[in-house]
């Protein structure tokens, strides 16, 4: 009888502690920063999740040839609202998914360059933002956005000396800081903008992870820029067998010489990084399965 009682008490303790442990794990995981570089064909798209907040940086192009849809992808990752929507520049391969998201999800704030660009898609983006009473901010020199005590976004643009029609070199450049980790998002900047950044903001370029500029075109990823950033990891957003010949061989070789690891959305699918205060883990997601393949302290 005594043994049965002990077993019963043990079961009670187990079943009472399991929900508590699950709750503690949920609370602990909410303190992580999760960053997803999304496979959306020939375009840029990233999702950052932190303590219930959702941040998207670009939204890819219109899906075609069976490519994943940006909106459906972020919804599959549990996004039902967007706290901060960042448009690096108004080219369609960064903009289309953001327009679709504005139609469907509640968006609080938009950060975008605000340059004159006459396309129907960009006009619709602006119209939807106004209709849904979204706060639209334009970058200012020295501007930072604080998301939490350990989490802030340093805005490195606008840069001086570029015409408003040069959307690529006017792309928003963001250095995301979380604890001791740094991620540099570069839009489609090319060598001229890279030179300005190296000359004027070299110390603010340092990053563990670099979103490679302009899909690894031959006009980007100069040696001086890569040396200033000095990334441990580089991520290239591009489509399989794209018509532009990305990644360009010379640019790819420059990146290989400067960084320890290169991930590509055309080969690796969605790429996830999970950060806590001390370490980070990355995984690729292809055909709905996860593989962990890089870890550092």
C-alpha atoms as a PDB file:
ATOM      1  CA  UNK A   1       0.000   0.000   0.000  1.00  0.00           C
ATOM      2  CA  UNK A   2       2.846   2.338   0.842  1.00  0.00           C
ATOM      3  CA  UNK A   3       4.482   1.775  -2.562  1.00  0.00           C
ATOM      4  CA  UNK A   4       1.220   2.554  -4.373  1.00  0.00           C
ATOM      5  CA  UNK A   5       0.838   5.813  -2.438  1.00  0.00           C
ATOM      6  CA  UNK A   6       4.407   6.825  -3.252  1.00  0.00           C
ATOM      7  CA  UNK A   7       3.817   6.078  -6.915  1.00  0.00           C
ATOM      8  CA  UNK A   8       0.606   8.077  -6.821  1.00  0.00           C
ATOM      9  CA  UNK A   9       2.339  11.060  -5.208  1.00  0.00           C
ATOM     10  CA  UNK A  10       5.120  10.830  -7.775  1.00  0.00           C
ATOM     11  CA  UNK A  11       2.594  10.940 -10.623  1.00  0.00           C
ATOM     12  CA  UNK A  12       0.857  13.930  -9.031  1.00  0.00           C
ATOM     13  CA  UNK A  13       4.172  15.757  -8.753  1.00  0.00           C
ATOM     14  CA  UNK A  14       5.102  14.965 -12.360  1.00  0.00           C
ATOM     15  CA  UNK A  15       1.787  16.081 -13.812  1.00  0.00           C
ATOM     16  CA  UNK A  16       1.731  19.231 -11.691  1.00  0.00           C
ATOM     17  CA  UNK A  17       5.255  20.225 -12.687  1.00  0.00           C
ATOM     18  CA  UNK A  18       4.966  19.559 -16.440  1.00  0.00           C
ATOM     19  CA  UNK A  19       2.673  22.564 -17.141  1.00  0.00           C
ATOM     20  CA  UNK A  20       4.899  24.748 -14.967  1.00  0.00           C
ATOM     21  CA  UNK A  21       8.039  23.686 -16.827  1.00  0.00           C
ATOM     22  CA  UNK A  22       6.321  24.240 -20.159  1.00  0.00           C
ATOM     23  CA  UNK A  23       5.280  27.732 -19.074  1.00  0.00           C
ATOM     24  CA  UNK A  24       8.815  28.543 -17.886  1.00  0.00           C
ATOM     25  CA  UNK A  25      10.217  27.349 -21.224  1.00  0.00           C
ATOM     26  CA  UNK A  26       7.733  29.540 -23.090  1.00  0.00           C
ATOM     27  CA  UNK A  27       8.739  32.546 -20.974  1.00  0.00           C
ATOM     28  CA  UNK A  28      12.429  31.782 -21.476  1.00  0.00           C
ATOM     29  CA  UNK A  29      12.061  31.370 -25.253  1.00  0.00           C
ATOM     30  CA  UNK A  30      10.232  34.705 -25.513  1.00  0.00           C
ATOM     31  CA  UNK A  31      13.466  36.396 -24.399  1.00  0.00           C
ATOM     32  CA  UNK A  32      15.229  35.027 -27.485  1.00  0.00           C
ATOM     33  CA  UNK A  33      15.546  36.982 -30.713  1.00  0.00           C
ATOM     34  CA  UNK A  34      14.568  34.814 -33.661  1.00  0.00           C
ATOM     35  CA  UNK A  35      15.643  35.982 -37.119  1.00  0.00           C
ATOM     36  CA  UNK A  36      14.417  34.322 -40.303  1.00  0.00           C
ATOM     37  CA  UNK A  37      15.912  35.036 -43.720  1.00  0.00           C
ATOM     38  CA  UNK A  38      13.053  33.897 -45.930  1.00  0.00           C
ATOM     39  CA  UNK A  39      13.229  32.022 -49.209  1.00  0.00           C
ATOM     40  CA  UNK A  40      10.883  34.030 -51.433  1.00  0.00           C
ATOM     41  CA  UNK A  41      12.540  33.693 -54.830  1.00  0.00           C
ATOM     42  CA  UNK A  42      14.431  36.610 -56.361  1.00  0.00           C
ATOM     43  CA  UNK A  43      13.908  39.122 -53.609  1.00  0.00           C
ATOM     44  CA  UNK A  44      14.760  40.061 -50.034  1.00  0.00           C
ATOM     45  CA  UNK A  45      12.637  39.218 -47.021  1.00  0.00           C
ATOM     46  CA  UNK A  46      13.417  38.817 -43.332  1.00  0.00           C
ATOM     47  CA  UNK A  47      11.340  38.292 -40.188  1.00  0.00           C
ATOM     48  CA  UNK A  48      12.461  39.145 -36.648  1.00  0.00           C
ATOM     49  CA  UNK A  49      10.456  37.895 -33.651  1.00  0.00           C
ATOM     50  CA  UNK A  50      11.059  39.105 -30.102  1.00  0.00           C
ATOM     51  CA  UNK A  51       8.818  39.022 -27.017  1.00  0.00           C
ATOM     52  CA  UNK A  52       5.620  38.906 -29.065  1.00  0.00           C
ATOM     53  CA  UNK A  53       6.776  41.647 -31.444  1.00  0.00           C
ATOM     54  CA  UNK A  54       7.084  41.019 -35.186  1.00  0.00           C
ATOM     55  CA  UNK A  55       9.428  43.002 -37.424  1.00  0.00           C
ATOM     56  CA  UNK A  56       9.697  42.441 -41.160  1.00  0.00           C
ATOM     57  CA  UNK A  57      12.468  43.812 -43.363  1.00  0.00           C
ATOM     58  CA  UNK A  58      11.365  43.707 -47.016  1.00  0.00           C
ATOM     59  CA  UNK A  59       8.803  41.301 -48.414  1.00  0.00           C
ATOM     60  CA  UNK A  60      10.022  39.764 -51.651  1.00  0.00           C
ATOM     61  CA  UNK A  61       8.347  39.834 -55.066  1.00  0.00           C
ATOM     62  CA  UNK A  62       5.183  38.364 -56.545  1.00  0.00           C
ATOM     63  CA  UNK A  63       5.452  34.551 -56.260  1.00  0.00           C
ATOM     64  CA  UNK A  64       5.926  32.671 -59.500  1.00  0.00           C
ATOM     65  CA  UNK A  65       7.013  29.197 -60.661  1.00  0.00           C
ATOM     66  CA  UNK A  66       5.977  27.658 -57.349  1.00  0.00           C
ATOM     67  CA  UNK A  67       8.037  30.017 -55.200  1.00  0.00           C
ATOM     68  CA  UNK A  68       6.883  30.552 -51.597  1.00  0.00           C
ATOM     69  CA  UNK A  69       4.514  33.408 -50.813  1.00  0.00           C
ATOM     70  CA  UNK A  70       5.840  35.928 -48.270  1.00  0.00           C
ATOM     71  CA  UNK A  71       2.543  36.506 -46.460  1.00  0.00           C
ATOM     72  CA  UNK A  72       1.759  32.800 -46.142  1.00  0.00           C
ATOM     73  CA  UNK A  73       5.302  32.138 -44.961  1.00  0.00           C
ATOM     74  CA  UNK A  74       5.247  34.654 -42.114  1.00  0.00           C
ATOM     75  CA  UNK A  75       1.753  33.513 -41.113  1.00  0.00           C
ATOM     76  CA  UNK A  76       3.113  29.953 -40.895  1.00  0.00           C
ATOM     77  CA  UNK A  77       5.678  31.321 -38.421  1.00  0.00           C
ATOM     78  CA  UNK A  78       2.865  32.644 -36.232  1.00  0.00           C
ATOM     79  CA  UNK A  79       2.698  36.259 -37.423  1.00  0.00           C
ATOM     80  CA  UNK A  80      -0.792  37.769 -37.071  1.00  0.00           C
ATOM     81  CA  UNK A  81       0.357  41.401 -36.827  1.00  0.00           C
ATOM     82  CA  UNK A  82       3.438  43.460 -37.690  1.00  0.00           C
ATOM     83  CA  UNK A  83       4.830  45.963 -35.204  1.00  0.00           C
ATOM     84  CA  UNK A  84       7.488  47.374 -37.526  1.00  0.00           C
ATOM     85  CA  UNK A  85       7.538  47.010 -41.315  1.00  0.00           C
ATOM     86  CA  UNK A  86      10.773  48.091 -43.001  1.00  0.00           C
ATOM     87  CA  UNK A  87      10.989  48.748 -46.736  1.00  0.00           C
ATOM     88  CA  UNK A  88      14.641  49.120 -47.721  1.00  0.00           C
ATOM     89  CA  UNK A  89      13.670  50.597 -51.103  1.00  0.00           C
ATOM     90  CA  UNK A  90      10.691  50.523 -53.440  1.00  0.00           C
ATOM     91  CA  UNK A  91      11.744  47.952 -56.044  1.00  0.00           C
ATOM     92  CA  UNK A  92       9.113  45.239 -56.491  1.00  0.00           C
ATOM     93  CA  UNK A  93      11.359  42.369 -55.345  1.00  0.00           C
ATOM     94  CA  UNK A  94      11.408  43.959 -51.878  1.00  0.00           C
ATOM     95  CA  UNK A  95       7.942  45.504 -51.853  1.00  0.00           C
ATOM     96  CA  UNK A  96       5.270  43.124 -53.156  1.00  0.00           C
ATOM     97  CA  UNK A  97       4.937  40.965 -50.029  1.00  0.00           C
ATOM     98  CA  UNK A  98       4.676  44.071 -47.841  1.00  0.00           C
ATOM     99  CA  UNK A  99       1.729  45.314 -49.906  1.00  0.00           C
ATOM    100  CA  UNK A 100      -0.020  41.960 -49.475  1.00  0.00           C
ATOM    101  CA  UNK A 101       0.654  42.079 -45.730  1.00  0.00           C
ATOM    102  CA  UNK A 102      -0.809  45.587 -45.445  1.00  0.00           C
ATOM    103  CA  UNK A 103      -4.016  44.274 -46.998  1.00  0.00           C
ATOM    104  CA  UNK A 104      -4.326  41.441 -44.483  1.00  0.00           C
ATOM    105  CA  UNK A 105      -2.493  42.150 -41.222  1.00  0.00           C
ATOM    106  CA  UNK A 106      -2.518  44.920 -38.647  1.00  0.00           C
ATOM    107  CA  UNK A 107       0.636  47.007 -39.103  1.00  0.00           C
ATOM    108  CA  UNK A 108       1.678  49.588 -36.503  1.00  0.00           C
ATOM    109  CA  UNK A 109       4.690  51.384 -38.005  1.00  0.00           C
ATOM    110  CA  UNK A 110       6.424  51.558 -41.383  1.00  0.00           C
ATOM    111  CA  UNK A 111      10.022  52.691 -41.884  1.00  0.00           C
ATOM    112  CA  UNK A 112      10.889  53.509 -45.508  1.00  0.00           C
ATOM    113  CA  UNK A 113      13.104  55.929 -47.481  1.00  0.00           C
ATOM    114  CA  UNK A 114      10.108  57.855 -48.835  1.00  0.00           C
ATOM    115  CA  UNK A 115      11.748  58.679 -52.176  1.00  0.00           C
ATOM    116  CA  UNK A 116       9.726  59.587 -55.254  1.00  0.00           C
ATOM    117  CA  UNK A 117       9.094  56.423 -57.236  1.00  0.00           C
ATOM    118  CA  UNK A 118       6.245  56.248 -59.724  1.00  0.00           C
ATOM    119  CA  UNK A 119       4.955  52.688 -59.888  1.00  0.00           C
ATOM    120  CA  UNK A 120       1.453  51.358 -59.284  1.00  0.00           C
ATOM    121  CA  UNK A 121       2.771  48.972 -56.629  1.00  0.00           C
ATOM    122  CA  UNK A 122       4.487  51.695 -54.599  1.00  0.00           C
ATOM    123  CA  UNK A 123       1.453  53.983 -54.945  1.00  0.00           C
ATOM    124  CA  UNK A 124      -0.721  51.149 -53.583  1.00  0.00           C
ATOM    125  CA  UNK A 125       1.704  50.647 -50.694  1.00  0.00           C
ATOM    126  CA  UNK A 126       1.390  54.307 -49.728  1.00  0.00           C
ATOM    127  CA  UNK A 127      -2.400  54.274 -50.176  1.00  0.00           C
ATOM    128  CA  UNK A 128      -2.870  51.211 -47.959  1.00  0.00           C
ATOM    129  CA  UNK A 129      -0.628  52.680 -45.243  1.00  0.00           C
ATOM    130  CA  UNK A 130      -2.782  55.817 -45.195  1.00  0.00           C
ATOM    131  CA  UNK A 131      -6.078  53.904 -45.274  1.00  0.00           C
ATOM    132  CA  UNK A 132      -5.072  51.750 -42.307  1.00  0.00           C
ATOM    133  CA  UNK A 133      -3.660  54.687 -40.315  1.00  0.00           C
ATOM    134  CA  UNK A 134      -0.152  53.217 -40.166  1.00  0.00           C
ATOM    135  CA  UNK A 135       2.525  55.500 -38.753  1.00  0.00           C
ATOM    136  CA  UNK A 136       5.084  56.076 -41.536  1.00  0.00           C
ATOM    137  CA  UNK A 137       8.597  57.148 -40.544  1.00  0.00           C
ATOM    138  CA  UNK A 138      11.498  58.223 -42.725  1.00  0.00           C
ATOM    139  CA  UNK A 139      15.084  57.610 -41.613  1.00  0.00           C
ATOM    140  CA  UNK A 140      17.141  60.398 -40.088  1.00  0.00           C
ATOM    141  CA  UNK A 141      20.875  60.565 -39.424  1.00  0.00           C
ATOM    142  CA  UNK A 142      21.691  58.940 -36.093  1.00  0.00           C
ATOM    143  CA  UNK A 143      18.179  57.514 -35.699  1.00  0.00           C
ATOM    144  CA  UNK A 144      17.780  54.420 -33.518  1.00  0.00           C
ATOM    145  CA  UNK A 145      14.714  52.310 -32.790  1.00  0.00           C
ATOM    146  CA  UNK A 146      14.703  50.619 -29.388  1.00  0.00           C
ATOM    147  CA  UNK A 147      12.645  47.424 -29.275  1.00  0.00           C
ATOM    148  CA  UNK A 148      13.678  46.262 -25.792  1.00  0.00           C
ATOM    149  CA  UNK A 149      16.439  46.651 -23.167  1.00  0.00           C
ATOM    150  CA  UNK A 150      18.849  44.469 -25.179  1.00  0.00           C
ATOM    151  CA  UNK A 151      17.425  45.035 -28.639  1.00  0.00           C
ATOM    152  CA  UNK A 152      17.816  48.119 -30.836  1.00  0.00           C
ATOM    153  CA  UNK A 153      18.091  49.008 -34.527  1.00  0.00           C
ATOM    154  CA  UNK A 154      20.742  51.492 -35.636  1.00  0.00           C
ATOM    155  CA  UNK A 155      19.758  53.323 -38.851  1.00  0.00           C
ATOM    156  CA  UNK A 156      22.851  54.041 -40.981  1.00  0.00           C
ATOM    157  CA  UNK A 157      21.026  55.879 -43.770  1.00  0.00           C
ATOM    158  CA  UNK A 158      20.166  58.156 -45.512  1.00  0.00           C
ATOM    159  CA  UNK A 159      23.493  58.536 -47.288  1.00  0.00           C
ATOM    160  CA  UNK A 160      24.505  61.742 -48.993  1.00  0.00           C
ATOM    161  CA  UNK A 161      25.330  62.244 -52.654  1.00  0.00           C
ATOM    162  CA  UNK A 162      22.847  59.967 -54.395  1.00  0.00           C
ATOM    163  CA  UNK A 163      20.003  60.988 -56.682  1.00  0.00           C
ATOM    164  CA  UNK A 164      16.461  60.090 -55.593  1.00  0.00           C
ATOM    165  CA  UNK A 165      16.193  57.943 -58.715  1.00  0.00           C
ATOM    166  CA  UNK A 166      19.065  55.739 -57.488  1.00  0.00           C
ATOM    167  CA  UNK A 167      16.910  53.502 -55.323  1.00  0.00           C
ATOM    168  CA  UNK A 168      19.578  50.854 -54.785  1.00  0.00           C
ATOM    169  CA  UNK A 169      22.205  53.147 -53.281  1.00  0.00           C
ATOM    170  CA  UNK A 170      19.499  54.926 -51.272  1.00  0.00           C
ATOM    171  CA  UNK A 171      18.457  51.634 -49.650  1.00  0.00           C
ATOM    172  CA  UNK A 172      17.954  51.662 -45.894  1.00  0.00           C
ATOM    173  CA  UNK A 173      20.932  50.152 -44.105  1.00  0.00           C
ATOM    174  CA  UNK A 174      20.211  48.794 -40.625  1.00  0.00           C
ATOM    175  CA  UNK A 175      22.494  47.344 -37.979  1.00  0.00           C
ATOM    176  CA  UNK A 176      20.386  45.246 -35.605  1.00  0.00           C
ATOM    177  CA  UNK A 177      21.863  44.924 -32.102  1.00  0.00           C
ATOM    178  CA  UNK A 178      20.751  42.254 -29.644  1.00  0.00           C
ATOM    179  CA  UNK A 179      22.933  41.824 -26.541  1.00  0.00           C
ATOM    180  CA  UNK A 180      26.388  41.264 -28.042  1.00  0.00           C
ATOM    181  CA  UNK A 181      25.096  40.148 -31.450  1.00  0.00           C
ATOM    182  CA  UNK A 182      24.954  42.357 -34.569  1.00  0.00           C
ATOM    183  CA  UNK A 183      23.177  41.794 -37.906  1.00  0.00           C
ATOM    184  CA  UNK A 184      23.661  44.151 -40.852  1.00  0.00           C
ATOM    185  CA  UNK A 185      20.800  44.531 -43.360  1.00  0.00           C
ATOM    186  CA  UNK A 186      21.903  46.288 -46.542  1.00  0.00           C
ATOM    187  CA  UNK A 187      19.024  46.308 -49.037  1.00  0.00           C
ATOM    188  CA  UNK A 188      20.447  46.618 -52.557  1.00  0.00           C
ATOM    189  CA  UNK A 189      23.318  49.028 -51.950  1.00  0.00           C
ATOM    190  CA  UNK A 190      26.169  48.865 -54.436  1.00  0.00           C
ATOM    191  CA  UNK A 191      29.832  49.856 -54.379  1.00  0.00           C
ATOM    192  CA  UNK A 192      29.231  53.670 -54.348  1.00  0.00           C
ATOM    193  CA  UNK A 193      27.101  53.446 -51.188  1.00  0.00           C
ATOM    194  CA  UNK A 194      29.499  50.927 -49.658  1.00  0.00           C
ATOM    195  CA  UNK A 195      32.336  53.449 -50.112  1.00  0.00           C
ATOM    196  CA  UNK A 196      30.357  56.153 -48.308  1.00  0.00           C
ATOM    197  CA  UNK A 197      29.533  53.798 -45.437  1.00  0.00           C
ATOM    198  CA  UNK A 198      33.161  52.708 -45.052  1.00  0.00           C
ATOM    199  CA  UNK A 199      34.402  56.311 -45.169  1.00  0.00           C
ATOM    200  CA  UNK A 200      31.824  57.793 -42.797  1.00  0.00           C
ATOM    201  CA  UNK A 201      30.404  54.988 -40.620  1.00  0.00           C
ATOM    202  CA  UNK A 202      32.992  52.231 -40.571  1.00  0.00           C
ATOM    203  CA  UNK A 203      32.713  51.468 -36.826  1.00  0.00           C
ATOM    204  CA  UNK A 204      28.928  51.158 -37.054  1.00  0.00           C
ATOM    205  CA  UNK A 205      29.197  48.521 -39.804  1.00  0.00           C
ATOM    206  CA  UNK A 206      30.666  45.753 -37.628  1.00  0.00           C
ATOM    207  CA  UNK A 207      28.379  42.709 -37.677  1.00  0.00           C
ATOM    208  CA  UNK A 208      28.389  38.987 -36.955  1.00  0.00           C
ATOM    209  CA  UNK A 209      25.884  38.339 -39.729  1.00  0.00           C
ATOM    210  CA  UNK A 210      25.726  40.207 -43.037  1.00  0.00           C
ATOM    211  CA  UNK A 211      22.727  40.192 -45.345  1.00  0.00           C
ATOM    212  CA  UNK A 212      24.761  40.418 -48.532  1.00  0.00           C
ATOM    213  CA  UNK A 213      23.996  43.561 -50.563  1.00  0.00           C
ATOM    214  CA  UNK A 214      22.079  43.366 -53.851  1.00  0.00           C
ATOM    215  CA  UNK A 215      21.746  39.566 -54.014  1.00  0.00           C
ATOM    216  CA  UNK A 216      25.547  39.199 -54.460  1.00  0.00           C
ATOM    217  CA  UNK A 217      25.743  41.192 -57.681  1.00  0.00           C
ATOM    218  CA  UNK A 218      29.094  42.087 -59.255  1.00  0.00           C
ATOM    219  CA  UNK A 219      28.480  45.737 -58.312  1.00  0.00           C
ATOM    220  CA  UNK A 220      28.391  45.058 -54.569  1.00  0.00           C
ATOM    221  CA  UNK A 221      30.357  43.424 -51.726  1.00  0.00           C
ATOM    222  CA  UNK A 222      33.621  45.295 -52.260  1.00  0.00           C
ATOM    223  CA  UNK A 223      36.689  44.153 -50.301  1.00  0.00           C
ATOM    224  CA  UNK A 224      36.786  47.388 -48.286  1.00  0.00           C
ATOM    225  CA  UNK A 225      33.141  47.030 -47.260  1.00  0.00           C
ATOM    226  CA  UNK A 226      33.463  43.349 -46.328  1.00  0.00           C
ATOM    227  CA  UNK A 227      36.598  44.104 -44.302  1.00  0.00           C
ATOM    228  CA  UNK A 228      34.784  46.852 -42.398  1.00  0.00           C
ATOM    229  CA  UNK A 229      31.811  44.584 -41.608  1.00  0.00           C
ATOM    230  CA  UNK A 230      34.023  41.541 -40.892  1.00  0.00           C
ATOM    231  CA  UNK A 231      31.089  39.087 -40.658  1.00  0.00           C
ATOM    232  CA  UNK A 232      31.263  35.538 -39.323  1.00  0.00           C
ATOM    233  CA  UNK A 233      28.295  34.598 -41.507  1.00  0.00           C
ATOM    234  CA  UNK A 234      26.924  35.940 -44.795  1.00  0.00           C
ATOM    235  CA  UNK A 235      23.393  35.343 -46.088  1.00  0.00           C
ATOM    236  CA  UNK A 236      22.510  35.762 -49.767  1.00  0.00           C
ATOM    237  CA  UNK A 237      18.859  36.173 -50.821  1.00  0.00           C
ATOM    238  CA  UNK A 238      18.278  35.001 -54.376  1.00  0.00           C
ATOM    239  CA  UNK A 239      16.271  32.646 -56.576  1.00  0.00           C
ATOM    240  CA  UNK A 240      17.402  29.433 -58.191  1.00  0.00           C
ATOM    241  CA  UNK A 241      18.633  29.858 -61.764  1.00  0.00           C
ATOM    242  CA  UNK A 242      17.758  33.564 -61.724  1.00  0.00           C
ATOM    243  CA  UNK A 243      17.999  35.623 -64.903  1.00  0.00           C
ATOM    244  CA  UNK A 244      20.553  38.028 -63.398  1.00  0.00           C
ATOM    245  CA  UNK A 245      23.345  35.505 -62.920  1.00  0.00           C
ATOM    246  CA  UNK A 246      23.391  35.975 -59.136  1.00  0.00           C
ATOM    247  CA  UNK A 247      25.494  35.198 -57.216  1.00  0.00           C
ATOM    248  CA  UNK A 248      28.200  36.802 -59.310  1.00  0.00           C
ATOM    249  CA  UNK A 249      31.375  34.707 -59.180  1.00  0.00           C
ATOM    250  CA  UNK A 250      33.806  37.537 -58.353  1.00  0.00           C
ATOM    251  CA  UNK A 251      31.579  38.936 -55.581  1.00  0.00           C
ATOM    252  CA  UNK A 252      31.012  35.456 -54.163  1.00  0.00           C
ATOM    253  CA  UNK A 253      34.760  34.825 -54.005  1.00  0.00           C
ATOM    254  CA  UNK A 254      35.301  38.122 -52.179  1.00  0.00           C
ATOM    255  CA  UNK A 255      32.719  37.081 -49.588  1.00  0.00           C
ATOM    256  CA  UNK A 256      34.269  33.604 -49.244  1.00  0.00           C
ATOM    257  CA  UNK A 257      37.637  35.164 -48.396  1.00  0.00           C
ATOM    258  CA  UNK A 258      36.180  37.445 -45.734  1.00  0.00           C
ATOM    259  CA  UNK A 259      33.663  35.256 -43.895  1.00  0.00           C
ATOM    260  CA  UNK A 260      33.539  31.824 -42.329  1.00  0.00           C
ATOM    261  CA  UNK A 261      30.185  30.639 -43.657  1.00  0.00           C
ATOM    262  CA  UNK A 262      27.819  31.560 -46.502  1.00  0.00           C
ATOM    263  CA  UNK A 263      24.131  30.608 -46.578  1.00  0.00           C
ATOM    264  CA  UNK A 264      21.918  31.011 -49.647  1.00  0.00           C
ATOM    265  CA  UNK A 265      18.131  31.012 -49.746  1.00  0.00           C
ATOM    266  CA  UNK A 266      18.159  29.363 -53.187  1.00  0.00           C
ATOM    267  CA  UNK A 267      19.902  26.301 -51.711  1.00  0.00           C
ATOM    268  CA  UNK A 268      19.162  26.405 -47.983  1.00  0.00           C
ATOM    269  CA  UNK A 269      15.576  27.666 -48.028  1.00  0.00           C
ATOM    270  CA  UNK A 270      14.507  29.632 -44.959  1.00  0.00           C
ATOM    271  CA  UNK A 271      17.425  30.304 -42.637  1.00  0.00           C
ATOM    272  CA  UNK A 272      16.764  30.791 -38.925  1.00  0.00           C
ATOM    273  CA  UNK A 273      19.043  32.274 -36.283  1.00  0.00           C
ATOM    274  CA  UNK A 274      18.134  32.083 -32.594  1.00  0.00           C
ATOM    275  CA  UNK A 275      19.956  34.455 -30.251  1.00  0.00           C
ATOM    276  CA  UNK A 276      20.114  34.660 -26.503  1.00  0.00           C
ATOM    277  CA  UNK A 277      22.511  36.851 -24.552  1.00  0.00           C
ATOM    278  CA  UNK A 278      25.506  34.593 -24.990  1.00  0.00           C
ATOM    279  CA  UNK A 279      25.181  32.418 -28.068  1.00  0.00           C
ATOM    280  CA  UNK A 280      23.415  31.838 -31.349  1.00  0.00           C
ATOM    281  CA  UNK A 281      22.198  28.814 -33.290  1.00  0.00           C
ATOM    282  CA  UNK A 282      21.224  28.677 -36.956  1.00  0.00           C
ATOM    283  CA  UNK A 283      19.047  26.231 -38.861  1.00  0.00           C
ATOM    284  CA  UNK A 284      17.876  25.821 -42.408  1.00  0.00           C
ATOM    285  CA  UNK A 285      14.291  24.967 -43.234  1.00  0.00           C
ATOM    286  CA  UNK A 286      13.639  23.075 -46.426  1.00  0.00           C
ATOM    287  CA  UNK A 287      10.635  20.884 -47.245  1.00  0.00           C
ATOM    288  CA  UNK A 288       9.193  21.647 -43.791  1.00  0.00           C
ATOM    289  CA  UNK A 289      12.036  20.107 -41.791  1.00  0.00           C
ATOM    290  CA  UNK A 290      14.701  21.781 -39.674  1.00  0.00           C
ATOM    291  CA  UNK A 291      18.401  20.958 -39.522  1.00  0.00           C
ATOM    292  CA  UNK A 292      20.775  22.577 -37.076  1.00  0.00           C
ATOM    293  CA  UNK A 293      24.135  23.096 -38.710  1.00  0.00           C
ATOM    294  CA  UNK A 294      26.007  25.954 -37.066  1.00  0.00           C
ATOM    295  CA  UNK A 295      26.508  26.969 -33.475  1.00  0.00           C
ATOM    296  CA  UNK A 296      28.823  29.442 -31.792  1.00  0.00           C
ATOM    297  CA  UNK A 297      29.442  30.930 -28.385  1.00  0.00           C
END
